[in-house]
Amino acid sequence: MKKIFFTLTLAVFVLHLQAVDMTPVTNAFKNGNAEQLKEMMATEVDMVAPGVTKKVNNSEAIAILKSFFQNNKPSAFTVTHNADKNDSGFLIGKLTTANKDFRVNITYTSKEGKILISIIRIE
């Protein structure tokens, strides 16, 4: 009986530790498609991008990203680090564009598997 209880406890623990699927976020950056991020934005987002450093609402965040992608056409996005802890996490990636490479930091929370981005830094 103890063995079954231990196995079930371990299974629940492992399922709880599974990372959030960041594929939609990485695909949006890879394709330069800010609209794909619309449903994943928190109500307010801390935005840092070339020429921008401010807290904005989610609609403004999408507009800033659209402008950024228009001026910097992405050709690749590679995740260099991703970590989750409880209901939050962060992703660090390299965005390769026609103009130059950028380091991207994204901080998010997750609830029931849904991502809510709260910080985007493009440097």
PDB file of N, CA and C in Angstrom:
ATOM      1  N   MET A   1       0.821  -1.192   0.000  1.00  0.00           N
ATOM      2  CA  MET A   1       0.000   0.000   0.000  1.00  0.00           C
ATOM      3  C   MET A   1       0.869   1.261   0.000  1.00  0.00           C
ATOM      4  N   LYS A   2       1.949   1.238   0.769  1.00  0.00           N
ATOM      5  CA  LYS A   2       2.851   2.388   0.818  1.00  0.00           C
ATOM      6  C   LYS A   2       3.489   2.627  -0.549  1.00  0.00           C
ATOM      7  N   LYS A   3       3.796   1.533  -1.239  1.00  0.00           N
ATOM      8  CA  LYS A   3       4.418   1.650  -2.553  1.00  0.00           C
ATOM      9  C   LYS A   3       3.472   2.331  -3.554  1.00  0.00           C
ATOM     10  N   ILE A   4       2.197   1.981  -3.517  1.00  0.00           N
ATOM     11  CA  ILE A   4       1.213   2.591  -4.411  1.00  0.00           C
ATOM     12  C   ILE A   4       1.057   4.072  -4.077  1.00  0.00           C
ATOM     13  N   PHE A   5       0.968   4.397  -2.783  1.00  0.00           N
ATOM     14  CA  PHE A   5       0.838   5.784  -2.361  1.00  0.00           C
ATOM     15  C   PHE A   5       2.046   6.598  -2.815  1.00  0.00           C
ATOM     16  N   PHE A   6       3.245   6.050  -2.654  1.00  0.00           N
ATOM     17  CA  PHE A   6       4.466   6.735  -3.062  1.00  0.00           C
ATOM     18  C   PHE A   6       4.473   6.978  -4.573  1.00  0.00           C
ATOM     19  N   THR A   7       4.076   5.961  -5.335  1.00  0.00           N
ATOM     20  CA  THR A   7       4.045   6.078  -6.791  1.00  0.00           C
ATOM     21  C   THR A   7       3.051   7.152  -7.231  1.00  0.00           C
ATOM     22  N   LEU A   8       1.871   7.178  -6.646  1.00  0.00           N
ATOM     23  CA  LEU A   8       0.876   8.194  -6.994  1.00  0.00           C
ATOM     24  C   LEU A   8       1.354   9.592  -6.609  1.00  0.00           C
ATOM     25  N   THR A   9       1.969   9.721  -5.440  1.00  0.00           N
ATOM     26  CA  THR A   9       2.490  11.015  -5.001  1.00  0.00           C
ATOM     27  C   THR A   9       3.573  11.496  -5.954  1.00  0.00           C
ATOM     28  N   LEU A  10       4.461  10.619  -6.341  1.00  0.00           N
ATOM     29  CA  LEU A  10       5.527  10.970  -7.273  1.00  0.00           C
ATOM     30  C   LEU A  10       4.957  11.381  -8.630  1.00  0.00           C
ATOM     31  N   ALA A  11       3.959  10.683  -9.099  1.00  0.00           N
ATOM     32  CA  ALA A  11       3.345  11.014 -10.395  1.00  0.00           C
ATOM     33  C   ALA A  11       2.707  12.404 -10.353  1.00  0.00           C
ATOM     34  N   VAL A  12       1.990  12.715  -9.294  1.00  0.00           N
ATOM     35  CA  VAL A  12       1.379  14.037  -9.158  1.00  0.00           C
ATOM     36  C   VAL A  12       2.459  15.107  -9.101  1.00  0.00           C
ATOM     37  N   PHE A  13       3.533  14.860  -8.381  1.00  0.00           N
ATOM     38  CA  PHE A  13       4.634  15.814  -8.261  1.00  0.00           C
ATOM     39  C   PHE A  13       5.273  16.076  -9.621  1.00  0.00           C
ATOM     40  N   VAL A  14       5.535  15.047 -10.382  1.00  0.00           N
ATOM     41  CA  VAL A  14       6.160  15.189 -11.696  1.00  0.00           C
ATOM     42  C   VAL A  14       5.236  15.946 -12.651  1.00  0.00           C
ATOM     43  N   LEU A  15       3.950  15.643 -12.629  1.00  0.00           N
ATOM     44  CA  LEU A  15       3.010  16.355 -13.493  1.00  0.00           C
ATOM     45  C   LEU A  15       2.934  17.833 -13.130  1.00  0.00           C
ATOM     46  N   HIS A  16       3.039  18.146 -11.852  1.00  0.00           N
ATOM     47  CA  HIS A  16       2.996  19.532 -11.412  1.00  0.00           C
ATOM     48  C   HIS A  16       4.230  20.308 -11.874  1.00  0.00           C
ATOM     49  N   LEU A  17       5.363  19.647 -12.025  1.00  0.00           N
ATOM     50  CA  LEU A  17       6.603  20.308 -12.411  1.00  0.00           C
ATOM     51  C   LEU A  17       6.767  20.512 -13.913  1.00  0.00           C
ATOM     52  N   GLN A  18       5.856  19.982 -14.702  1.00  0.00           N
ATOM     53  CA  GLN A  18       6.002  20.118 -16.144  1.00  0.00           C
ATOM     54  C   GLN A  18       6.007  21.580 -16.554  1.00  0.00           C
ATOM     55  N   ALA A  19       6.889  21.899 -17.451  1.00  0.00           N
ATOM     56  CA  ALA A  19       7.028  23.278 -17.923  1.00  0.00           C
ATOM     57  C   ALA A  19       5.831  23.662 -18.789  1.00  0.00           C
ATOM     58  N   VAL A  20       5.545  24.943 -18.787  1.00  0.00           N
ATOM     59  CA  VAL A  20       4.496  25.500 -19.637  1.00  0.00           C
ATOM     60  C   VAL A  20       4.980  25.431 -21.076  1.00  0.00           C
ATOM     61  N   ASP A  21       4.080  25.151 -21.998  1.00  0.00           N
ATOM     62  CA  ASP A  21       4.438  25.088 -23.417  1.00  0.00           C
ATOM     63  C   ASP A  21       4.641  26.502 -23.953  1.00  0.00           C
ATOM     64  N   MET A  22       5.875  26.844 -24.235  1.00  0.00           N
ATOM     65  CA  MET A  22       6.220  28.181 -24.732  1.00  0.00           C
ATOM     66  C   MET A  22       6.270  28.243 -26.256  1.00  0.00           C
ATOM     67  N   THR A  23       5.890  27.177 -26.923  1.00  0.00           N
ATOM     68  CA  THR A  23       5.941  27.130 -28.384  1.00  0.00           C
ATOM     69  C   THR A  23       5.189  28.282 -29.050  1.00  0.00           C
ATOM     70  N   PRO A  24       3.964  28.637 -28.593  1.00  0.00           N
ATOM     71  CA  PRO A  24       3.283  29.769 -29.237  1.00  0.00           C
ATOM     72  C   PRO A  24       4.078  31.077 -29.129  1.00  0.00           C
ATOM     73  N   VAL A  25       4.747  31.288 -28.000  1.00  0.00           N
ATOM     74  CA  VAL A  25       5.548  32.499 -27.810  1.00  0.00           C
ATOM     75  C   VAL A  25       6.757  32.479 -28.734  1.00  0.00           C
ATOM     76  N   THR A  26       7.466  31.374 -28.756  1.00  0.00           N
ATOM     77  CA  THR A  26       8.663  31.293 -29.594  1.00  0.00           C
ATOM     78  C   THR A  26       8.299  31.400 -31.077  1.00  0.00           C
ATOM     79  N   ASN A  27       7.181  30.801 -31.478  1.00  0.00           N
ATOM     80  CA  ASN A  27       6.750  30.909 -32.875  1.00  0.00           C
ATOM     81  C   ASN A  27       6.389  32.344 -33.240  1.00  0.00           C
ATOM     82  N   ALA A  28       5.753  33.062 -32.318  1.00  0.00           N
ATOM     83  CA  ALA A  28       5.397  34.455 -32.575  1.00  0.00           C
ATOM     84  C   ALA A  28       6.641  35.302 -32.808  1.00  0.00           C
ATOM     85  N   PHE A  29       7.680  35.092 -31.996  1.00  0.00           N
ATOM     86  CA  PHE A  29       8.914  35.853 -32.184  1.00  0.00           C
ATOM     87  C   PHE A  29       9.651  35.403 -33.443  1.00  0.00           C
ATOM     88  N   LYS A  30       9.655  34.121 -33.709  1.00  0.00           N
ATOM     89  CA  LYS A  30      10.330  33.594 -34.895  1.00  0.00           C
ATOM     90  C   LYS A  30       9.699  34.143 -36.173  1.00  0.00           C
ATOM     91  N   ASN A  31       8.364  34.281 -36.163  1.00  0.00           N
ATOM     92  CA  ASN A  31       7.642  34.743 -37.348  1.00  0.00           C
ATOM     93  C   ASN A  31       7.403  36.248 -37.354  1.00  0.00           C
ATOM     94  N   GLY A  32       7.782  36.930 -36.269  1.00  0.00           N
ATOM     95  CA  GLY A  32       7.548  38.363 -36.198  1.00  0.00           C
ATOM     96  C   GLY A  32       6.067  38.702 -36.189  1.00  0.00           C
ATOM     97  N   ASN A  33       5.276  37.883 -35.508  1.00  0.00           N
ATOM     98  CA  ASN A  33       3.825  38.049 -35.498  1.00  0.00           C
ATOM     99  C   ASN A  33       3.349  38.420 -34.091  1.00  0.00           C
ATOM    100  N   ALA A  34       3.213  39.707 -33.843  1.00  0.00           N
ATOM    101  CA  ALA A  34       2.792  40.195 -32.525  1.00  0.00           C
ATOM    102  C   ALA A  34       1.362  39.776 -32.200  1.00  0.00           C
ATOM    103  N   GLU A  35       0.519  39.670 -33.200  1.00  0.00           N
ATOM    104  CA  GLU A  35      -0.889  39.291 -32.969  1.00  0.00           C
ATOM    105  C   GLU A  35      -1.010  37.931 -32.288  1.00  0.00           C
ATOM    106  N   GLN A  36      -0.059  37.029 -32.549  1.00  0.00           N
ATOM    107  CA  GLN A  36      -0.095  35.714 -31.916  1.00  0.00           C
ATOM    108  C   GLN A  36       0.083  35.809 -30.401  1.00  0.00           C
ATOM    109  N   LEU A  37       0.645  36.899 -29.933  1.00  0.00           N
ATOM    110  CA  LEU A  37       0.884  37.075 -28.498  1.00  0.00           C
ATOM    111  C   LEU A  37      -0.289  37.743 -27.776  1.00  0.00           C
ATOM    112  N   LYS A  38      -1.252  38.224 -28.530  1.00  0.00           N
ATOM    113  CA  LYS A  38      -2.352  39.014 -27.979  1.00  0.00           C
ATOM    114  C   LYS A  38      -3.055  38.315 -26.812  1.00  0.00           C
ATOM    115  N   GLU A  39      -3.387  37.070 -26.966  1.00  0.00           N
ATOM    116  CA  GLU A  39      -4.113  36.331 -25.936  1.00  0.00           C
ATOM    117  C   GLU A  39      -3.227  35.940 -24.751  1.00  0.00           C
ATOM    118  N   MET A  40      -1.929  36.114 -24.895  1.00  0.00           N
ATOM    119  CA  MET A  40      -0.997  35.718 -23.836  1.00  0.00           C
ATOM    120  C   MET A  40      -0.486  36.889 -23.011  1.00  0.00           C
ATOM    121  N   MET A  41      -0.936  38.088 -23.313  1.00  0.00           N
ATOM    122  CA  MET A  41      -0.466  39.276 -22.600  1.00  0.00           C
ATOM    123  C   MET A  41      -1.263  39.497 -21.321  1.00  0.00           C
ATOM    124  N   ALA A  42      -0.562  39.856 -20.258  1.00  0.00           N
ATOM    125  CA  ALA A  42      -1.231  40.280 -19.033  1.00  0.00           C
ATOM    126  C   ALA A  42      -1.898  41.623 -19.302  1.00  0.00           C
ATOM    127  N   THR A  43      -2.710  42.093 -18.380  1.00  0.00           N
ATOM    128  CA  THR A  43      -3.391  43.379 -18.545  1.00  0.00           C
ATOM    129  C   THR A  43      -2.393  44.508 -18.715  1.00  0.00           C
ATOM    130  N   GLU A  44      -1.315  44.484 -17.910  1.00  0.00           N
ATOM    131  CA  GLU A  44      -0.226  45.456 -18.037  1.00  0.00           C
ATOM    132  C   GLU A  44       1.068  44.702 -18.287  1.00  0.00           C
ATOM    133  N   VAL A  45       1.910  45.290 -19.147  1.00  0.00           N
ATOM    134  CA  VAL A  45       3.167  44.651 -19.522  1.00  0.00           C
ATOM    135  C   VAL A  45       4.288  45.674 -19.399  1.00  0.00           C
ATOM    136  N   ASP A  46       5.373  45.289 -18.731  1.00  0.00           N
ATOM    137  CA  ASP A  46       6.580  46.118 -18.714  1.00  0.00           C
ATOM    138  C   ASP A  46       7.303  45.861 -20.029  1.00  0.00           C
ATOM    139  N   MET A  47       7.416  46.900 -20.861  1.00  0.00           N
ATOM    140  CA  MET A  47       8.039  46.761 -22.176  1.00  0.00           C
ATOM    141  C   MET A  47       9.368  47.495 -22.219  1.00  0.00           C
ATOM    142  N   VAL A  48      10.375  46.780 -22.707  1.00  0.00           N
ATOM    143  CA  VAL A  48      11.664  47.391 -23.012  1.00  0.00           C
ATOM    144  C   VAL A  48      12.018  46.914 -24.415  1.00  0.00           C
ATOM    145  N   ALA A  49      12.148  47.864 -25.310  1.00  0.00           N
ATOM    146  CA  ALA A  49      12.532  47.594 -26.694  1.00  0.00           C
ATOM    147  C   ALA A  49      13.305  48.823 -27.154  1.00  0.00           C
ATOM    148  N   PRO A  50      14.015  48.752 -28.274  1.00  0.00           N
ATOM    149  CA  PRO A  50      14.741  49.930 -28.736  1.00  0.00           C
ATOM    150  C   PRO A  50      13.836  51.169 -28.773  1.00  0.00           C
ATOM    151  N   GLY A  51      14.192  52.177 -27.987  1.00  0.00           N
ATOM    152  CA  GLY A  51      13.429  53.411 -27.934  1.00  0.00           C
ATOM    153  C   GLY A  51      12.230  53.401 -27.000  1.00  0.00           C
ATOM    154  N   VAL A  52      11.970  52.288 -26.324  1.00  0.00           N
ATOM    155  CA  VAL A  52      10.795  52.173 -25.453  1.00  0.00           C
ATOM    156  C   VAL A  52      11.191  51.528 -24.121  1.00  0.00           C
ATOM    157  N   THR A  53      10.805  52.175 -23.037  1.00  0.00           N
ATOM    158  CA  THR A  53      10.963  51.598 -21.707  1.00  0.00           C
ATOM    159  C   THR A  53       9.812  52.120 -20.860  1.00  0.00           C
ATOM    160  N   LYS A  54       8.727  51.331 -20.774  1.00  0.00           N
ATOM    161  CA  LYS A  54       7.588  51.774 -19.980  1.00  0.00           C
ATOM    162  C   LYS A  54       6.609  50.640 -19.746  1.00  0.00           C
ATOM    163  N   LYS A  55       5.736  50.851 -18.774  1.00  0.00           N
ATOM    164  CA  LYS A  55       4.646  49.916 -18.500  1.00  0.00           C
ATOM    165  C   LYS A  55       3.477  50.340 -19.385  1.00  0.00           C
ATOM    166  N   VAL A  56       2.919  49.379 -20.115  1.00  0.00           N
ATOM    167  CA  VAL A  56       1.843  49.669 -21.059  1.00  0.00           C
ATOM    168  C   VAL A  56       0.721  48.652 -20.892  1.00  0.00           C
ATOM    169  N   ASN A  57      -0.445  48.980 -21.444  1.00  0.00           N
ATOM    170  CA  ASN A  57      -1.507  47.975 -21.438  1.00  0.00           C
ATOM    171  C   ASN A  57      -1.217  46.961 -22.549  1.00  0.00           C
ATOM    172  N   ASN A  58      -1.955  45.886 -22.558  1.00  0.00           N
ATOM    173  CA  ASN A  58      -1.646  44.803 -23.510  1.00  0.00           C
ATOM    174  C   ASN A  58      -1.796  45.224 -24.969  1.00  0.00           C
ATOM    175  N   SER A  59      -2.738  46.115 -25.278  1.00  0.00           N
ATOM    176  CA  SER A  59      -2.891  46.586 -26.664  1.00  0.00           C
ATOM    177  C   SER A  59      -1.682  47.404 -27.109  1.00  0.00           C
ATOM    178  N   GLU A  60      -1.176  48.252 -26.210  1.00  0.00           N
ATOM    179  CA  GLU A  60       0.015  49.046 -26.530  1.00  0.00           C
ATOM    180  C   GLU A  60       1.237  48.134 -26.704  1.00  0.00           C
ATOM    181  N   ALA A  61       1.308  47.090 -25.888  1.00  0.00           N
ATOM    182  CA  ALA A  61       2.429  46.143 -26.007  1.00  0.00           C
ATOM    183  C   ALA A  61       2.440  45.494 -27.386  1.00  0.00           C
ATOM    184  N   ILE A  62       1.275  45.110 -27.872  1.00  0.00           N
ATOM    185  CA  ILE A  62       1.172  44.512 -29.207  1.00  0.00           C
ATOM    186  C   ILE A  62       1.585  45.525 -30.268  1.00  0.00           C
ATOM    187  N   ALA A  63       1.152  46.774 -30.130  1.00  0.00           N
ATOM    188  CA  ALA A  63       1.517  47.816 -31.099  1.00  0.00           C
ATOM    189  C   ALA A  63       3.027  48.055 -31.115  1.00  0.00           C
ATOM    190  N   ILE A  64       3.651  48.054 -29.938  1.00  0.00           N
ATOM    191  CA  ILE A  64       5.108  48.236 -29.858  1.00  0.00           C
ATOM    192  C   ILE A  64       5.818  47.072 -30.543  1.00  0.00           C
ATOM    193  N   LEU A  65       5.342  45.857 -30.294  1.00  0.00           N
ATOM    194  CA  LEU A  65       5.962  44.692 -30.929  1.00  0.00           C
ATOM    195  C   LEU A  65       5.768  44.707 -32.445  1.00  0.00           C
ATOM    196  N   LYS A  66       4.586  45.105 -32.911  1.00  0.00           N
ATOM    197  CA  LYS A  66       4.354  45.194 -34.365  1.00  0.00           C
ATOM    198  C   LYS A  66       5.343  46.160 -35.007  1.00  0.00           C
ATOM    199  N   SER A  67       5.513  47.308 -34.369  1.00  0.00           N
ATOM    200  CA  SER A  67       6.456  48.305 -34.884  1.00  0.00           C
ATOM    201  C   SER A  67       7.880  47.760 -34.871  1.00  0.00           C
ATOM    202  N   PHE A  68       8.238  47.107 -33.789  1.00  0.00           N
ATOM    203  CA  PHE A  68       9.581  46.522 -33.696  1.00  0.00           C
ATOM    204  C   PHE A  68       9.800  45.501 -34.818  1.00  0.00           C
ATOM    205  N   PHE A  69       8.828  44.601 -35.026  1.00  0.00           N
ATOM    206  CA  PHE A  69       8.968  43.570 -36.057  1.00  0.00           C
ATOM    207  C   PHE A  69       8.990  44.171 -37.467  1.00  0.00           C
ATOM    208  N   GLN A  70       8.291  45.291 -37.685  1.00  0.00           N
ATOM    209  CA  GLN A  70       8.334  45.952 -38.995  1.00  0.00           C
ATOM    210  C   GLN A  70       9.726  46.502 -39.280  1.00  0.00           C
ATOM    211  N   ASN A  71      10.370  47.006 -38.237  1.00  0.00           N
ATOM    212  CA  ASN A  71      11.711  47.583 -38.396  1.00  0.00           C
ATOM    213  C   ASN A  71      12.825  46.549 -38.302  1.00  0.00           C
ATOM    214  N   ASN A  72      12.521  45.385 -37.770  1.00  0.00           N
ATOM    215  CA  ASN A  72      13.515  44.330 -37.555  1.00  0.00           C
ATOM    216  C   ASN A  72      12.889  42.986 -37.923  1.00  0.00           C
ATOM    217  N   LYS A  73      12.935  42.643 -39.198  1.00  0.00           N
ATOM    218  CA  LYS A  73      12.312  41.408 -39.684  1.00  0.00           C
ATOM    219  C   LYS A  73      13.043  40.190 -39.133  1.00  0.00           C
ATOM    220  N   PRO A  74      12.368  39.376 -38.310  1.00  0.00           N
ATOM    221  CA  PRO A  74      13.021  38.199 -37.742  1.00  0.00           C
ATOM    222  C   PRO A  74      13.331  37.132 -38.785  1.00  0.00           C
ATOM    223  N   SER A  75      14.470  36.486 -38.599  1.00  0.00           N
ATOM    224  CA  SER A  75      14.799  35.336 -39.435  1.00  0.00           C
ATOM    225  C   SER A  75      14.940  34.072 -38.587  1.00  0.00           C
ATOM    226  N   ALA A  76      15.124  34.244 -37.261  1.00  0.00           N
ATOM    227  CA  ALA A  76      15.223  33.085 -36.373  1.00  0.00           C
ATOM    228  C   ALA A  76      15.022  33.531 -34.927  1.00  0.00           C
ATOM    229  N   PHE A  77      14.561  32.585 -34.119  1.00  0.00           N
ATOM    230  CA  PHE A  77      14.463  32.811 -32.675  1.00  0.00           C
ATOM    231  C   PHE A  77      14.867  31.517 -31.988  1.00  0.00           C
ATOM    232  N   THR A  78      15.862  31.611 -31.127  1.00  0.00           N
ATOM    233  CA  THR A  78      16.379  30.441 -30.434  1.00  0.00           C
ATOM    234  C   THR A  78      16.276  30.656 -28.935  1.00  0.00           C
ATOM    235  N   VAL A  79      15.677  29.706 -28.235  1.00  0.00           N
ATOM    236  CA  VAL A  79      15.590  29.781 -26.785  1.00  0.00           C
ATOM    237  C   VAL A  79      16.930  29.355 -26.203  1.00  0.00           C
ATOM    238  N   THR A  80      17.516  30.220 -25.375  1.00  0.00           N
ATOM    239  CA  THR A  80      18.781  29.881 -24.732  1.00  0.00           C
ATOM    240  C   THR A  80      18.572  29.392 -23.305  1.00  0.00           C
ATOM    241  N   HIS A  81      17.466  29.815 -22.684  1.00  0.00           N
ATOM    242  CA  HIS A  81      17.161  29.359 -21.324  1.00  0.00           C
ATOM    243  C   HIS A  81      15.678  29.556 -21.051  1.00  0.00           C
ATOM    244  N   ASN A  82      15.092  28.588 -20.364  1.00  0.00           N
ATOM    245  CA  ASN A  82      13.688  28.670 -19.959  1.00  0.00           C
ATOM    246  C   ASN A  82      13.561  28.003 -18.609  1.00  0.00           C
ATOM    247  N   ALA A  83      12.917  28.662 -17.665  1.00  0.00           N
ATOM    248  CA  ALA A  83      12.747  28.089 -16.331  1.00  0.00           C
ATOM    249  C   ALA A  83      11.360  28.395 -15.806  1.00  0.00           C
ATOM    250  N   ASP A  84      10.772  27.409 -15.156  1.00  0.00           N
ATOM    251  CA  ASP A  84       9.475  27.550 -14.513  1.00  0.00           C
ATOM    252  C   ASP A  84       9.622  27.237 -13.039  1.00  0.00           C
ATOM    253  N   LYS A  85       8.898  27.984 -12.216  1.00  0.00           N
ATOM    254  CA  LYS A  85       8.850  27.694 -10.787  1.00  0.00           C
ATOM    255  C   LYS A  85       7.443  28.009 -10.323  1.00  0.00           C
ATOM    256  N   ASN A  86       6.772  26.998  -9.816  1.00  0.00           N
ATOM    257  CA  ASN A  86       5.376  27.134  -9.402  1.00  0.00           C
ATOM    258  C   ASN A  86       4.553  27.679 -10.563  1.00  0.00           C
ATOM    259  N   ASP A  87       3.967  28.843 -10.408  1.00  0.00           N
ATOM    260  CA  ASP A  87       3.096  29.395 -11.447  1.00  0.00           C
ATOM    261  C   ASP A  87       3.729  30.556 -12.197  1.00  0.00           C
ATOM    262  N   SER A  88       5.053  30.607 -12.258  1.00  0.00           N
ATOM    263  CA  SER A  88       5.725  31.676 -12.990  1.00  0.00           C
ATOM    264  C   SER A  88       6.967  31.130 -13.665  1.00  0.00           C
ATOM    265  N   GLY A  89       7.525  31.941 -14.550  1.00  0.00           N
ATOM    266  CA  GLY A  89       8.727  31.513 -15.232  1.00  0.00           C
ATOM    267  C   GLY A  89       9.285  32.615 -16.106  1.00  0.00           C
ATOM    268  N   PHE A  90      10.385  32.282 -16.756  1.00  0.00           N
ATOM    269  CA  PHE A  90      10.990  33.233 -17.680  1.00  0.00           C
ATOM    270  C   PHE A  90      11.639  32.480 -18.823  1.00  0.00           C
ATOM    271  N   LEU A  91      11.813  33.203 -19.909  1.00  0.00           N
ATOM    272  CA  LEU A  91      12.428  32.660 -21.110  1.00  0.00           C
ATOM    273  C   LEU A  91      13.451  33.676 -21.593  1.00  0.00           C
ATOM    274  N   ILE A  92      14.603  33.195 -21.970  1.00  0.00           N
ATOM    275  CA  ILE A  92      15.636  34.044 -22.570  1.00  0.00           C
ATOM    276  C   ILE A  92      15.920  33.471 -23.951  1.00  0.00           C
ATOM    277  N   GLY A  93      15.933  34.336 -24.941  1.00  0.00           N
ATOM    278  CA  GLY A  93      16.173  33.864 -26.289  1.00  0.00           C
ATOM    279  C   GLY A  93      16.995  34.836 -27.109  1.00  0.00           C
ATOM    280  N   LYS A  94      17.454  34.340 -28.238  1.00  0.00           N
ATOM    281  CA  LYS A  94      18.214  35.156 -29.193  1.00  0.00           C
ATOM    282  C   LYS A  94      17.342  35.326 -30.430  1.00  0.00           C
ATOM    283  N   LEU A  95      17.028  36.580 -30.741  1.00  0.00           N
ATOM    284  CA  LEU A  95      16.234  36.912 -31.916  1.00  0.00           C
ATOM    285  C   LEU A  95      17.170  37.424 -32.996  1.00  0.00           C
ATOM    286  N   THR A  96      17.253  36.681 -34.078  1.00  0.00           N
ATOM    287  CA  THR A  96      18.085  37.081 -35.208  1.00  0.00           C
ATOM    288  C   THR A  96      17.198  37.807 -36.211  1.00  0.00           C
ATOM    289  N   THR A  97      17.624  39.015 -36.586  1.00  0.00           N
ATOM    290  CA  THR A  97      16.857  39.803 -37.556  1.00  0.00           C
ATOM    291  C   THR A  97      17.770  40.205 -38.706  1.00  0.00           C
ATOM    292  N   ALA A  98      17.173  40.819 -39.693  1.00  0.00           N
ATOM    293  CA  ALA A  98      17.946  41.292 -40.846  1.00  0.00           C
ATOM    294  C   ALA A  98      18.953  42.355 -40.420  1.00  0.00           C
ATOM    295  N   ASN A  99      18.637  43.137 -39.381  1.00  0.00           N
ATOM    296  CA  ASN A  99      19.509  44.225 -38.945  1.00  0.00           C
ATOM    297  C   ASN A  99      20.578  43.792 -37.949  1.00  0.00           C
ATOM    298  N   LYS A 100      20.176  43.025 -36.932  1.00  0.00           N
ATOM    299  CA  LYS A 100      21.125  42.577 -35.906  1.00  0.00           C
ATOM    300  C   LYS A 100      20.474  41.529 -35.025  1.00  0.00           C
ATOM    301  N   ASP A 101      21.227  41.011 -34.074  1.00  0.00           N
ATOM    302  CA  ASP A 101      20.710  40.043 -33.118  1.00  0.00           C
ATOM    303  C   ASP A 101      20.286  40.765 -31.843  1.00  0.00           C
ATOM    304  N   PHE A 102      19.194  40.290 -31.248  1.00  0.00           N
ATOM    305  CA  PHE A 102      18.678  40.853 -30.015  1.00  0.00           C
ATOM    306  C   PHE A 102      18.551  39.759 -28.966  1.00  0.00           C
ATOM    307  N   ARG A 103      18.760  40.150 -27.725  1.00  0.00           N
ATOM    308  CA  ARG A 103      18.496  39.255 -26.604  1.00  0.00           C
ATOM    309  C   ARG A 103      17.077  39.572 -26.135  1.00  0.00           C
ATOM    310  N   VAL A 104      16.256  38.547 -25.967  1.00  0.00           N
ATOM    311  CA  VAL A 104      14.866  38.713 -25.553  1.00  0.00           C
ATOM    312  C   VAL A 104      14.666  38.017 -24.211  1.00  0.00           C
ATOM    313  N   ASN A 105      14.128  38.756 -23.245  1.00  0.00           N
ATOM    314  CA  ASN A 105      13.767  38.204 -21.941  1.00  0.00           C
ATOM    315  C   ASN A 105      12.262  38.346 -21.772  1.00  0.00           C
ATOM    316  N   ILE A 106      11.605  37.263 -21.449  1.00  0.00           N
ATOM    317  CA  ILE A 106      10.161  37.273 -21.240  1.00  0.00           C
ATOM    318  C   ILE A 106       9.879  36.665 -19.873  1.00  0.00           C
ATOM    319  N   THR A 107       9.132  37.387 -19.053  1.00  0.00           N
ATOM    320  CA  THR A 107       8.708  36.884 -17.753  1.00  0.00           C
ATOM    321  C   THR A 107       7.202  36.681 -17.818  1.00  0.00           C
ATOM    322  N   TYR A 108       6.738  35.571 -17.259  1.00  0.00           N
ATOM    323  CA  TYR A 108       5.324  35.244 -17.363  1.00  0.00           C
ATOM    324  C   TYR A 108       4.832  34.515 -16.119  1.00  0.00           C
ATOM    325  N   THR A 109       3.530  34.491 -15.982  1.00  0.00           N
ATOM    326  CA  THR A 109       2.882  33.633 -15.001  1.00  0.00           C
ATOM    327  C   THR A 109       2.031  32.649 -15.783  1.00  0.00           C
ATOM    328  N   SER A 110       1.658  31.577 -15.149  1.00  0.00           N
ATOM    329  CA  SER A 110       0.785  30.616 -15.818  1.00  0.00           C
ATOM    330  C   SER A 110      -0.312  30.190 -14.846  1.00  0.00           C
ATOM    331  N   LYS A 111      -1.476  30.029 -15.415  1.00  0.00           N
ATOM    332  CA  LYS A 111      -2.617  29.568 -14.633  1.00  0.00           C
ATOM    333  C   LYS A 111      -3.369  28.565 -15.478  1.00  0.00           C
ATOM    334  N   GLU A 112      -3.455  27.350 -14.972  1.00  0.00           N
ATOM    335  CA  GLU A 112      -4.130  26.266 -15.690  1.00  0.00           C
ATOM    336  C   GLU A 112      -3.569  26.096 -17.094  1.00  0.00           C
ATOM    337  N   GLY A 113      -2.256  26.222 -17.226  1.00  0.00           N
ATOM    338  CA  GLY A 113      -1.577  26.032 -18.507  1.00  0.00           C
ATOM    339  C   GLY A 113      -1.600  27.226 -19.433  1.00  0.00           C
ATOM    340  N   LYS A 114      -2.265  28.322 -19.028  1.00  0.00           N
ATOM    341  CA  LYS A 114      -2.333  29.518 -19.868  1.00  0.00           C
ATOM    342  C   LYS A 114      -1.228  30.489 -19.469  1.00  0.00           C
ATOM    343  N   ILE A 115      -0.522  31.005 -20.459  1.00  0.00           N
ATOM    344  CA  ILE A 115       0.587  31.934 -20.241  1.00  0.00           C
ATOM    345  C   ILE A 115       0.056  33.359 -20.179  1.00  0.00           C
ATOM    346  N   LEU A 116       0.565  34.132 -19.203  1.00  0.00           N
ATOM    347  CA  LEU A 116       0.284  35.562 -19.130  1.00  0.00           C
ATOM    348  C   LEU A 116       1.618  36.284 -19.042  1.00  0.00           C
ATOM    349  N   ILE A 117       2.015  36.927 -20.135  1.00  0.00           N
ATOM    350  CA  ILE A 117       3.300  37.624 -20.207  1.00  0.00           C
ATOM    351  C   ILE A 117       3.186  38.949 -19.462  1.00  0.00           C
ATOM    352  N   SER A 118       4.142  39.199 -18.550  1.00  0.00           N
ATOM    353  CA  SER A 118       4.114  40.437 -17.775  1.00  0.00           C
ATOM    354  C   SER A 118       5.297  41.354 -18.088  1.00  0.00           C
ATOM    355  N   ILE A 119       6.378  40.789 -18.607  1.00  0.00           N
ATOM    356  CA  ILE A 119       7.561  41.591 -18.950  1.00  0.00           C
ATOM    357  C   ILE A 119       8.147  41.099 -20.270  1.00  0.00           C
ATOM    358  N   ILE A 120       8.445  42.026 -21.164  1.00  0.00           N
ATOM    359  CA  ILE A 120       9.180  41.721 -22.403  1.00  0.00           C
ATOM    360  C   ILE A 120      10.317  42.711 -22.507  1.00  0.00           C
ATOM    361  N   ARG A 121      11.525  42.180 -22.580  1.00  0.00           N
ATOM    362  CA  ARG A 121      12.724  43.028 -22.756  1.00  0.00           C
ATOM    363  C   ARG A 121      13.416  42.579 -24.034  1.00  0.00           C
ATOM    364  N   ILE A 122      13.568  43.496 -24.968  1.00  0.00           N
ATOM    365  CA  ILE A 122      14.281  43.221 -26.218  1.00  0.00           C
ATOM    366  C   ILE A 122      15.479  44.158 -26.232  1.00  0.00           C
ATOM    367  N   GLU A 123      16.658  43.589 -26.102  1.00  0.00           N
ATOM    368  CA  GLU A 123      17.879  44.408 -25.991  1.00  0.00           C
ATOM    369  C   GLU A 123      18.902  43.996 -27.029  1.00  0.00           C
TER     370      GLU A 123
END
